[in-house]
Amino acid sequence: GVQGKLGGLMLKPVFKVVQDKMDYSKHGGAVLLGVKAPV
């Protein structure tokens, strides 16, 4: 409802922080450690 949407709008910056924190792709991909060149 309306109250929930208003509350969600106020908390939108918080949700953004949580989303960014959980986004492991910003650290890059998976590194294959142990081969003779970076992969």
Full PDB file with SEQRES, HELIX, SHEET, SSBOND, CRYST1, ORIGX, SCALE, CONECT and MASTER records, all heavy atoms in Angstrom:
SEQRES   1 A   39  GLY VAL GLN GLY LYS LEU GLY GLY LEU MET LEU LYS PRO          
SEQRES   2 A   39  VAL PHE LYS VAL VAL GLN ASP LYS MET ASP TYR SER LYS          
SEQRES   3 A   39  HIS GLY GLY ALA VAL LEU LEU GLY VAL LYS ALA PRO VAL          
HELIX    1 AA1 VAL A    2  MET A   10  1                                   9    
HELIX    2 AA2 LYS A   12  MET A   22  1                                  11    
HELIX    3 AA3 TYR A   24  HIS A   27  5                                   4    
CRYST1    1.000    1.000    1.000  90.00  90.00  90.00 P 1           1          
ORIGX1      1.000000  0.000000  0.000000        0.00000                         
ORIGX2      0.000000  1.000000  0.000000        0.00000                         
ORIGX3      0.000000  0.000000  1.000000        0.00000                         
SCALE1      1.000000  0.000000  0.000000        0.00000                         
SCALE2      0.000000  1.000000  0.000000        0.00000                         
SCALE3      0.000000  0.000000  1.000000        0.00000                         
ATOM      1  N   GLY A   1       0.791  -1.219   0.000  1.00  0.00           N  
ATOM      2  CA  GLY A   1       0.000   0.000   0.000  1.00  0.00           C  
ATOM      3  C   GLY A   1       0.825   1.271   0.000  1.00  0.00           C  
ATOM      4  O   GLY A   1       2.056   1.239  -0.111  1.00  0.00           O  
ATOM      5  N   VAL A   2       0.125   2.396   0.168  1.00  0.00           N  
ATOM      6  CA  VAL A   2       0.763   3.706   0.080  1.00  0.00           C  
ATOM      7  C   VAL A   2       1.818   3.899   1.175  1.00  0.00           C  
ATOM      8  O   VAL A   2       2.928   4.377   0.925  1.00  0.00           O  
ATOM      9  CB  VAL A   2      -0.288   4.830   0.163  1.00  0.00           C  
ATOM     10  CG1 VAL A   2       0.396   6.198   0.174  1.00  0.00           C  
ATOM     11  CG2 VAL A   2      -1.263   4.739  -0.998  1.00  0.00           C  
ATOM     12  N   GLN A   3       1.468   3.524   2.413  1.00  0.00           N  
ATOM     13  CA  GLN A   3       2.407   3.725   3.517  1.00  0.00           C  
ATOM     14  C   GLN A   3       3.689   2.906   3.307  1.00  0.00           C  
ATOM     15  O   GLN A   3       4.792   3.377   3.565  1.00  0.00           O  
ATOM     16  CB  GLN A   3       1.746   3.342   4.840  1.00  0.00           C  
ATOM     17  CG  GLN A   3       0.671   4.330   5.298  1.00  0.00           C  
ATOM     18  CD  GLN A   3       0.120   3.982   6.659  1.00  0.00           C  
ATOM     19  OE1 GLN A   3       0.133   2.812   7.065  1.00  0.00           O  
ATOM     20  NE2 GLN A   3      -0.369   4.973   7.391  1.00  0.00           N  
ATOM     21  N   GLY A   4       3.505   1.672   2.853  1.00  0.00           N  
ATOM     22  CA  GLY A   4       4.664   0.823   2.601  1.00  0.00           C  
ATOM     23  C   GLY A   4       5.546   1.398   1.509  1.00  0.00           C  
ATOM     24  O   GLY A   4       6.778   1.354   1.602  1.00  0.00           O  
ATOM     25  N   LYS A   5       4.928   1.941   0.456  1.00  0.00           N  
ATOM     26  CA  LYS A   5       5.708   2.512  -0.641  1.00  0.00           C  
ATOM     27  C   LYS A   5       6.458   3.762  -0.196  1.00  0.00           C  
ATOM     28  O   LYS A   5       7.592   3.995  -0.601  1.00  0.00           O  
ATOM     29  CB  LYS A   5       4.788   2.834  -1.815  1.00  0.00           C  
ATOM     30  CG  LYS A   5       4.218   1.596  -2.497  1.00  0.00           C  
ATOM     31  CD  LYS A   5       3.260   1.956  -3.626  1.00  0.00           C  
ATOM     32  CE  LYS A   5       2.683   0.695  -4.265  1.00  0.00           C  
ATOM     33  NZ  LYS A   5       1.708   1.004  -5.332  1.00  0.00           N  
ATOM     34  N   LEU A   6       5.805   4.561   0.648  1.00  0.00           N  
ATOM     35  CA  LEU A   6       6.478   5.761   1.170  1.00  0.00           C  
ATOM     36  C   LEU A   6       7.673   5.360   2.049  1.00  0.00           C  
ATOM     37  O   LEU A   6       8.746   5.966   1.978  1.00  0.00           O  
ATOM     38  CB  LEU A   6       5.496   6.619   1.969  1.00  0.00           C  
ATOM     39  CG  LEU A   6       4.432   7.366   1.149  1.00  0.00           C  
ATOM     40  CD1 LEU A   6       3.429   8.045   2.069  1.00  0.00           C  
ATOM     41  CD2 LEU A   6       5.102   8.385   0.245  1.00  0.00           C  
ATOM     42  N   GLY A   7       7.448   4.340   2.880  1.00  0.00           N  
ATOM     43  CA  GLY A   7       8.545   3.861   3.715  1.00  0.00           C  
ATOM     44  C   GLY A   7       9.679   3.297   2.872  1.00  0.00           C  
ATOM     45  O   GLY A   7      10.861   3.521   3.157  1.00  0.00           O  
ATOM     46  N   GLY A   8       9.312   2.565   1.808  1.00  0.00           N  
ATOM     47  CA  GLY A   8      10.329   2.020   0.912  1.00  0.00           C  
ATOM     48  C   GLY A   8      11.118   3.109   0.223  1.00  0.00           C  
ATOM     49  O   GLY A   8      12.333   2.981   0.033  1.00  0.00           O  
ATOM     50  N   LEU A   9      10.441   4.189  -0.141  1.00  0.00           N  
ATOM     51  CA  LEU A   9      11.113   5.311  -0.785  1.00  0.00           C  
ATOM     52  C   LEU A   9      12.124   5.950   0.150  1.00  0.00           C  
ATOM     53  O   LEU A   9      13.235   6.316  -0.264  1.00  0.00           O  
ATOM     54  CB  LEU A   9      10.074   6.349  -1.226  1.00  0.00           C  
ATOM     55  CG  LEU A   9      10.600   7.552  -2.019  1.00  0.00           C  
ATOM     56  CD1 LEU A   9      11.224   7.078  -3.329  1.00  0.00           C  
ATOM     57  CD2 LEU A   9       9.488   8.548  -2.291  1.00  0.00           C  
ATOM     58  N   MET A  10      11.757   6.052   1.422  1.00  0.00           N  
ATOM     59  CA  MET A  10      12.674   6.637   2.402  1.00  0.00           C  
ATOM     60  C   MET A  10      13.879   5.719   2.646  1.00  0.00           C  
ATOM     61  O   MET A  10      14.985   6.197   2.924  1.00  0.00           O  
ATOM     62  CB  MET A  10      11.930   6.886   3.724  1.00  0.00           C  
ATOM     63  CG  MET A  10      10.828   7.934   3.616  1.00  0.00           C  
ATOM     64  SD  MET A  10       9.916   8.140   5.167  1.00  0.00           S  
ATOM     65  CE  MET A  10      11.200   8.774   6.224  1.00  0.00           C  
ATOM     66  N   LEU A  11      13.659   4.423   2.514  1.00  0.00           N  
ATOM     67  CA  LEU A  11      14.740   3.460   2.768  1.00  0.00           C  
ATOM     68  C   LEU A  11      15.516   3.105   1.508  1.00  0.00           C  
ATOM     69  O   LEU A  11      16.443   2.287   1.565  1.00  0.00           O  
ATOM     70  CB  LEU A  11      14.161   2.179   3.377  1.00  0.00           C  
ATOM     71  CG  LEU A  11      13.652   2.287   4.812  1.00  0.00           C  
ATOM     72  CD1 LEU A  11      12.951   0.994   5.216  1.00  0.00           C  
ATOM     73  CD2 LEU A  11      14.804   2.578   5.771  1.00  0.00           C  
ATOM     74  N   LYS A  12      15.171   3.705   0.390  1.00  0.00           N  
ATOM     75  CA  LYS A  12      15.820   3.366  -0.873  1.00  0.00           C  
ATOM     76  C   LYS A  12      17.350   3.491  -0.802  1.00  0.00           C  
ATOM     77  O   LYS A  12      18.071   2.616  -1.309  1.00  0.00           O  
ATOM     78  CB  LYS A  12      15.270   4.245  -1.997  1.00  0.00           C  
ATOM     79  CG  LYS A  12      15.751   3.834  -3.385  1.00  0.00           C  
ATOM     80  CD  LYS A  12      15.072   4.659  -4.465  1.00  0.00           C  
ATOM     81  CE  LYS A  12      15.552   4.224  -5.856  1.00  0.00           C  
ATOM     82  NZ  LYS A  12      14.888   5.025  -6.933  1.00  0.00           N  
ATOM     83  N   PRO A  13      17.891   4.552  -0.200  1.00  0.00           N  
ATOM     84  CA  PRO A  13      19.362   4.644  -0.084  1.00  0.00           C  
ATOM     85  C   PRO A  13      19.969   3.479   0.701  1.00  0.00           C  
ATOM     86  O   PRO A  13      21.067   3.014   0.386  1.00  0.00           O  
ATOM     87  CB  PRO A  13      19.577   5.977   0.636  1.00  0.00           C  
ATOM     88  CG  PRO A  13      18.355   6.774   0.348  1.00  0.00           C  
ATOM     89  CD  PRO A  13      17.246   5.774   0.328  1.00  0.00           C  
ATOM     90  N   VAL A  14      19.250   3.001   1.719  1.00  0.00           N  
ATOM     91  CA  VAL A  14      19.742   1.877   2.514  1.00  0.00           C  
ATOM     92  C   VAL A  14      19.786   0.608   1.669  1.00  0.00           C  
ATOM     93  O   VAL A  14      20.758  -0.154   1.709  1.00  0.00           O  
ATOM     94  CB  VAL A  14      18.840   1.664   3.750  1.00  0.00           C  
ATOM     95  CG1 VAL A  14      19.307   0.439   4.539  1.00  0.00           C  
ATOM     96  CG2 VAL A  14      18.855   2.898   4.641  1.00  0.00           C  
ATOM     97  N   PHE A  15      18.713   0.393   0.883  1.00  0.00           N  
ATOM     98  CA  PHE A  15      18.670  -0.787   0.017  1.00  0.00           C  
ATOM     99  C   PHE A  15      19.795  -0.738  -1.021  1.00  0.00           C  
ATOM    100  O   PHE A  15      20.353  -1.771  -1.389  1.00  0.00           O  
ATOM    101  CB  PHE A  15      17.317  -0.886  -0.683  1.00  0.00           C  
ATOM    102  CG  PHE A  15      16.165  -1.096   0.250  1.00  0.00           C  
ATOM    103  CD1 PHE A  15      14.929  -0.525   0.000  1.00  0.00           C  
ATOM    104  CD2 PHE A  15      16.313  -1.875   1.391  1.00  0.00           C  
ATOM    105  CE1 PHE A  15      13.866  -0.726   0.864  1.00  0.00           C  
ATOM    106  CE2 PHE A  15      15.248  -2.085   2.260  1.00  0.00           C  
ATOM    107  CZ  PHE A  15      14.020  -1.507   2.006  1.00  0.00           C  
ATOM    108  N   LYS A  16      20.113   0.448  -1.465  1.00  0.00           N  
ATOM    109  CA  LYS A  16      21.191   0.609  -2.439  1.00  0.00           C  
ATOM    110  C   LYS A  16      22.533   0.221  -1.828  1.00  0.00           C  
ATOM    111  O   LYS A  16      23.366  -0.441  -2.480  1.00  0.00           O  
ATOM    112  CB  LYS A  16      21.240   2.063  -2.929  1.00  0.00           C  
ATOM    113  CG  LYS A  16      22.352   2.341  -3.936  1.00  0.00           C  
ATOM    114  CD  LYS A  16      22.196   1.542  -5.213  1.00  0.00           C  
ATOM    115  CE  LYS A  16      23.247   1.929  -6.234  1.00  0.00           C  
ATOM    116  NZ  LYS A  16      23.183   1.081  -7.456  1.00  0.00           N  
ATOM    117  N   VAL A  17      22.733   0.591  -0.583  1.00  0.00           N  
ATOM    118  CA  VAL A  17      23.966   0.234   0.116  1.00  0.00           C  
ATOM    119  C   VAL A  17      24.077  -1.285   0.244  1.00  0.00           C  
ATOM    120  O   VAL A  17      25.140  -1.880   0.008  1.00  0.00           O  
ATOM    121  CB  VAL A  17      24.012   0.891   1.518  1.00  0.00           C  
ATOM    122  CG1 VAL A  17      25.188   0.327   2.331  1.00  0.00           C  
ATOM    123  CG2 VAL A  17      24.154   2.398   1.379  1.00  0.00           C  
ATOM    124  N   VAL A  18      22.959  -1.930   0.611  1.00  0.00           N  
ATOM    125  CA  VAL A  18      22.945  -3.389   0.759  1.00  0.00           C  
ATOM    126  C   VAL A  18      23.221  -4.061  -0.585  1.00  0.00           C  
ATOM    127  O   VAL A  18      24.007  -5.006  -0.674  1.00  0.00           O  
ATOM    128  CB  VAL A  18      21.588  -3.858   1.321  1.00  0.00           C  
ATOM    129  CG1 VAL A  18      21.518  -5.386   1.328  1.00  0.00           C  
ATOM    130  CG2 VAL A  18      21.378  -3.315   2.725  1.00  0.00           C  
ATOM    131  N   GLN A  19      22.584  -3.561  -1.636  1.00  0.00           N  
ATOM    132  CA  GLN A  19      22.781  -4.131  -2.971  1.00  0.00           C  
ATOM    133  C   GLN A  19      24.236  -4.008  -3.413  1.00  0.00           C  
ATOM    134  O   GLN A  19      24.815  -4.966  -3.940  1.00  0.00           O  
ATOM    135  CB  GLN A  19      21.868  -3.442  -3.975  1.00  0.00           C  
ATOM    136  CG  GLN A  19      21.923  -4.032  -5.380  1.00  0.00           C  
ATOM    137  CD  GLN A  19      20.966  -3.347  -6.331  1.00  0.00           C  
ATOM    138  OE1 GLN A  19      20.589  -2.184  -6.136  1.00  0.00           O  
ATOM    139  NE2 GLN A  19      20.548  -4.048  -7.362  1.00  0.00           N  
ATOM    140  N   ASP A  20      24.822  -2.849  -3.192  1.00  0.00           N  
ATOM    141  CA  ASP A  20      26.227  -2.642  -3.571  1.00  0.00           C  
ATOM    142  C   ASP A  20      27.151  -3.534  -2.751  1.00  0.00           C  
ATOM    143  O   ASP A  20      28.152  -4.049  -3.264  1.00  0.00           O  
ATOM    144  CB  ASP A  20      26.615  -1.171  -3.379  1.00  0.00           C  
ATOM    145  CG  ASP A  20      25.967  -0.264  -4.402  1.00  0.00           C  
ATOM    146  OD1 ASP A  20      25.487  -0.775  -5.437  1.00  0.00           O  
ATOM    147  OD2 ASP A  20      25.919   0.958  -4.173  1.00  0.00           O  
ATOM    148  N   LYS A  21      26.830  -3.713  -1.483  1.00  0.00           N  
ATOM    149  CA  LYS A  21      27.662  -4.535  -0.599  1.00  0.00           C  
ATOM    150  C   LYS A  21      27.656  -5.988  -1.044  1.00  0.00           C  
ATOM    151  O   LYS A  21      28.691  -6.674  -0.994  1.00  0.00           O  
ATOM    152  CB  LYS A  21      27.134  -4.424   0.834  1.00  0.00           C  
ATOM    153  CG  LYS A  21      27.998  -5.112   1.884  1.00  0.00           C  
ATOM    154  CD  LYS A  21      29.289  -4.375   2.129  1.00  0.00           C  
ATOM    155  CE  LYS A  21      30.059  -4.958   3.295  1.00  0.00           C  
ATOM    156  NZ  LYS A  21      31.344  -4.283   3.527  1.00  0.00           N  
ATOM    157  N   MET A  22      26.515  -6.472  -1.512  1.00  0.00           N  
ATOM    158  CA  MET A  22      26.383  -7.869  -1.903  1.00  0.00           C  
ATOM    159  C   MET A  22      26.816  -8.135  -3.338  1.00  0.00           C  
ATOM    160  O   MET A  22      26.865  -9.287  -3.768  1.00  0.00           O  
ATOM    161  CB  MET A  22      24.934  -8.322  -1.722  1.00  0.00           C  
ATOM    162  CG  MET A  22      24.489  -8.391  -0.268  1.00  0.00           C  
ATOM    163  SD  MET A  22      25.480  -9.544   0.707  1.00  0.00           S  
ATOM    164  CE  MET A  22      25.092 -11.100  -0.081  1.00  0.00           C  
ATOM    165  N   ASP A  23      27.138  -7.106  -4.082  1.00  0.00           N  
ATOM    166  CA  ASP A  23      27.520  -7.269  -5.488  1.00  0.00           C  
ATOM    167  C   ASP A  23      29.000  -7.636  -5.577  1.00  0.00           C  
ATOM    168  O   ASP A  23      29.871  -6.779  -5.649  1.00  0.00           O  
ATOM    169  CB  ASP A  23      27.243  -5.976  -6.263  1.00  0.00           C  
ATOM    170  CG  ASP A  23      27.566  -6.105  -7.748  1.00  0.00           C  
ATOM    171  OD1 ASP A  23      27.749  -7.255  -8.208  1.00  0.00           O  
ATOM    172  OD2 ASP A  23      27.647  -5.073  -8.430  1.00  0.00           O  
ATOM    173  N   TYR A  24      29.282  -8.952  -5.583  1.00  0.00           N  
ATOM    174  CA  TYR A  24      30.675  -9.400  -5.604  1.00  0.00           C  
ATOM    175  C   TYR A  24      31.334  -9.191  -6.956  1.00  0.00           C  
ATOM    176  O   TYR A  24      32.558  -9.224  -7.072  1.00  0.00           O  
ATOM    177  CB  TYR A  24      30.791 -10.866  -5.180  1.00  0.00           C  
ATOM    178  CG  TYR A  24      30.200 -11.869  -6.136  1.00  0.00           C  
ATOM    179  CD1 TYR A  24      30.946 -12.379  -7.180  1.00  0.00           C  
ATOM    180  CD2 TYR A  24      28.896 -12.324  -5.980  1.00  0.00           C  
ATOM    181  CE1 TYR A  24      30.414 -13.317  -8.053  1.00  0.00           C  
ATOM    182  CE2 TYR A  24      28.352 -13.256  -6.855  1.00  0.00           C  
ATOM    183  CZ  TYR A  24      29.121 -13.748  -7.883  1.00  0.00           C  
ATOM    184  OH  TYR A  24      28.590 -14.663  -8.753  1.00  0.00           O  
ATOM    185  N   SER A  25      30.535  -8.942  -8.018  1.00  0.00           N  
ATOM    186  CA  SER A  25      31.118  -8.771  -9.357  1.00  0.00           C  
ATOM    187  C   SER A  25      31.968  -7.513  -9.461  1.00  0.00           C  
ATOM    188  O   SER A  25      32.836  -7.412 -10.326  1.00  0.00           O  
ATOM    189  CB  SER A  25      30.007  -8.728 -10.410  1.00  0.00           C  
ATOM    190  OG  SER A  25      29.185  -7.585 -10.244  1.00  0.00           O  
ATOM    191  N   LYS A  26      31.761  -6.548  -8.569  1.00  0.00           N  
ATOM    192  CA  LYS A  26      32.560  -5.325  -8.627  1.00  0.00           C  
ATOM    193  C   LYS A  26      34.009  -5.585  -8.240  1.00  0.00           C  
ATOM    194  O   LYS A  26      34.890  -4.766  -8.498  1.00  0.00           O  
ATOM    195  CB  LYS A  26      31.956  -4.244  -7.716  1.00  0.00           C  
ATOM    196  CG  LYS A  26      32.036  -4.563  -6.232  1.00  0.00           C  
ATOM    197  CD  LYS A  26      31.353  -3.475  -5.412  1.00  0.00           C  
ATOM    198  CE  LYS A  26      31.421  -3.797  -3.915  1.00  0.00           C  
ATOM    199  NZ  LYS A  26      30.738  -2.748  -3.113  1.00  0.00           N  
ATOM    200  N   HIS A  27      34.257  -6.751  -7.603  1.00  0.00           N  
ATOM    201  CA  HIS A  27      35.632  -7.131  -7.270  1.00  0.00           C  
ATOM    202  C   HIS A  27      36.327  -7.773  -8.462  1.00  0.00           C  
ATOM    203  O   HIS A  27      37.521  -8.072  -8.398  1.00  0.00           O  
ATOM    204  CB  HIS A  27      35.642  -8.102  -6.087  1.00  0.00           C  
ATOM    205  CG  HIS A  27      35.120  -7.518  -4.814  1.00  0.00           C  
ATOM    206  ND1 HIS A  27      35.805  -6.564  -4.093  1.00  0.00           N  
ATOM    207  CD2 HIS A  27      33.968  -7.733  -4.132  1.00  0.00           C  
ATOM    208  CE1 HIS A  27      35.111  -6.231  -3.021  1.00  0.00           C  
ATOM    209  NE2 HIS A  27      33.997  -6.922  -3.013  1.00  0.00           N  
ATOM    210  N   GLY A  28      35.596  -8.011  -9.546  1.00  0.00           N  
ATOM    211  CA  GLY A  28      36.165  -8.637 -10.731  1.00  0.00           C  
ATOM    212  C   GLY A  28      35.609 -10.029 -10.938  1.00  0.00           C  
ATOM    213  O   GLY A  28      34.597 -10.412 -10.348  1.00  0.00           O  
ATOM    214  N   GLY A  29      36.279 -10.815 -11.777  1.00  0.00           N  
ATOM    215  CA  GLY A  29      35.838 -12.171 -12.054  1.00  0.00           C  
ATOM    216  C   GLY A  29      36.549 -13.175 -11.169  1.00  0.00           C  
ATOM    217  O   GLY A  29      37.176 -12.832 -10.170  1.00  0.00           O  
ATOM    218  N   ALA A  30      36.441 -14.437 -11.554  1.00  0.00           N  
ATOM    219  CA  ALA A  30      37.134 -15.507 -10.842  1.00  0.00           C  
ATOM    220  C   ALA A  30      38.505 -15.707 -11.481  1.00  0.00           C  
ATOM    221  O   ALA A  30      38.622 -15.840 -12.699  1.00  0.00           O  
ATOM    222  CB  ALA A  30      36.321 -16.801 -10.904  1.00  0.00           C  
ATOM    223  N   VAL A  31      39.529 -15.717 -10.666  1.00  0.00           N  
ATOM    224  CA  VAL A  31      40.912 -15.855 -11.131  1.00  0.00           C  
ATOM    225  C   VAL A  31      41.319 -17.316 -11.093  1.00  0.00           C  
ATOM    226  O   VAL A  31      41.117 -17.986 -10.080  1.00  0.00           O  
ATOM    227  CB  VAL A  31      41.870 -15.021 -10.255  1.00  0.00           C  
ATOM    228  CG1 VAL A  31      43.318 -15.215 -10.702  1.00  0.00           C  
ATOM    229  CG2 VAL A  31      41.487 -13.548 -10.300  1.00  0.00           C  
ATOM    230  N   LEU A  32      41.896 -17.813 -12.183  1.00  0.00           N  
ATOM    231  CA  LEU A  32      42.417 -19.172 -12.198  1.00  0.00           C  
ATOM    232  C   LEU A  32      43.864 -19.116 -11.719  1.00  0.00           C  
ATOM    233  O   LEU A  32      44.788 -18.900 -12.505  1.00  0.00           O  
ATOM    234  CB  LEU A  32      42.319 -19.778 -13.597  1.00  0.00           C  
ATOM    235  CG  LEU A  32      42.684 -21.262 -13.701  1.00  0.00           C  
ATOM    236  CD1 LEU A  32      41.798 -22.106 -12.783  1.00  0.00           C  
ATOM    237  CD2 LEU A  32      42.569 -21.752 -15.134  1.00  0.00           C  
ATOM    238  N   LEU A  33      44.057 -19.309 -10.422  1.00  0.00           N  
ATOM    239  CA  LEU A  33      45.390 -19.237  -9.824  1.00  0.00           C  
ATOM    240  C   LEU A  33      46.140 -20.548 -10.029  1.00  0.00           C  
ATOM    241  O   LEU A  33      45.613 -21.620  -9.736  1.00  0.00           O  
ATOM    242  CB  LEU A  33      45.278 -18.961  -8.324  1.00  0.00           C  
ATOM    243  CG  LEU A  33      45.094 -17.521  -7.861  1.00  0.00           C  
ATOM    244  CD1 LEU A  33      45.098 -17.477  -6.341  1.00  0.00           C  
ATOM    245  CD2 LEU A  33      46.168 -16.612  -8.418  1.00  0.00           C  
ATOM    246  N   GLY A  34      47.358 -20.448 -10.544  1.00  0.00           N  
ATOM    247  CA  GLY A  34      48.187 -21.621 -10.699  1.00  0.00           C  
ATOM    248  C   GLY A  34      48.634 -21.885 -12.120  1.00  0.00           C  
ATOM    249  O   GLY A  34      49.386 -22.818 -12.374  1.00  0.00           O  
ATOM    250  N   VAL A  35      48.181 -21.068 -13.083  1.00  0.00           N  
ATOM    251  CA  VAL A  35      48.648 -21.205 -14.461  1.00  0.00           C  
ATOM    252  C   VAL A  35      49.696 -20.137 -14.736  1.00  0.00           C  
ATOM    253  O   VAL A  35      49.852 -19.180 -13.980  1.00  0.00           O  
ATOM    254  CB  VAL A  35      47.488 -21.106 -15.475  1.00  0.00           C  
ATOM    255  CG1 VAL A  35      46.566 -22.300 -15.345  1.00  0.00           C  
ATOM    256  CG2 VAL A  35      46.697 -19.815 -15.282  1.00  0.00           C  
ATOM    257  N   LYS A  36      50.413 -20.294 -15.854  1.00  0.00           N  
ATOM    258  CA  LYS A  36      51.596 -19.488 -16.121  1.00  0.00           C  
ATOM    259  C   LYS A  36      51.316 -18.063 -16.575  1.00  0.00           C  
ATOM    260  O   LYS A  36      52.259 -17.297 -16.800  1.00  0.00           O  
ATOM    261  CB  LYS A  36      52.464 -20.188 -17.169  1.00  0.00           C  
ATOM    262  CG  LYS A  36      53.084 -21.492 -16.692  1.00  0.00           C  
ATOM    263  CD  LYS A  36      53.926 -22.127 -17.784  1.00  0.00           C  
ATOM    264  CE  LYS A  36      54.575 -23.416 -17.313  1.00  0.00           C  
ATOM    265  NZ  LYS A  36      55.363 -24.066 -18.389  1.00  0.00           N  
ATOM    266  N   ALA A  37      50.068 -17.705 -16.733  1.00  0.00           N  
ATOM    267  CA  ALA A  37      49.708 -16.337 -17.110  1.00  0.00           C  
ATOM    268  C   ALA A  37      48.386 -15.994 -16.432  1.00  0.00           C  
ATOM    269  O   ALA A  37      47.617 -16.895 -16.065  1.00  0.00           O  
ATOM    270  CB  ALA A  37      49.590 -16.208 -18.630  1.00  0.00           C  
ATOM    271  N   PRO A  38      48.096 -14.724 -16.241  1.00  0.00           N  
ATOM    272  CA  PRO A  38      46.829 -14.349 -15.618  1.00  0.00           C  
ATOM    273  C   PRO A  38      45.634 -14.776 -16.466  1.00  0.00           C  
ATOM    274  O   PRO A  38      45.595 -14.538 -17.672  1.00  0.00           O  
ATOM    275  CB  PRO A  38      46.927 -12.821 -15.535  1.00  0.00           C  
ATOM    276  CG  PRO A  38      48.392 -12.528 -15.548  1.00  0.00           C  
ATOM    277  CD  PRO A  38      48.985 -13.561 -16.451  1.00  0.00           C  
ATOM    278  N   VAL A  39      44.667 -15.421 -15.825  1.00  0.00           N  
ATOM    279  CA  VAL A  39      43.433 -15.855 -16.487  1.00  0.00           C  
ATOM    280  C   VAL A  39      42.267 -15.468 -15.588  1.00  0.00           C  
ATOM    281  O   VAL A  39      42.261 -15.806 -14.399  1.00  0.00           O  
ATOM    282  CB  VAL A  39      43.416 -17.375 -16.733  1.00  0.00           C  
ATOM    283  CG1 VAL A  39      42.064 -17.799 -17.320  1.00  0.00           C  
ATOM    284  CG2 VAL A  39      44.550 -17.792 -17.654  1.00  0.00           C  
TER     285      VAL A  39                                                      
MASTER        0    0    0    3    0    0    0    6  284    1    0    3          
END                                                                             
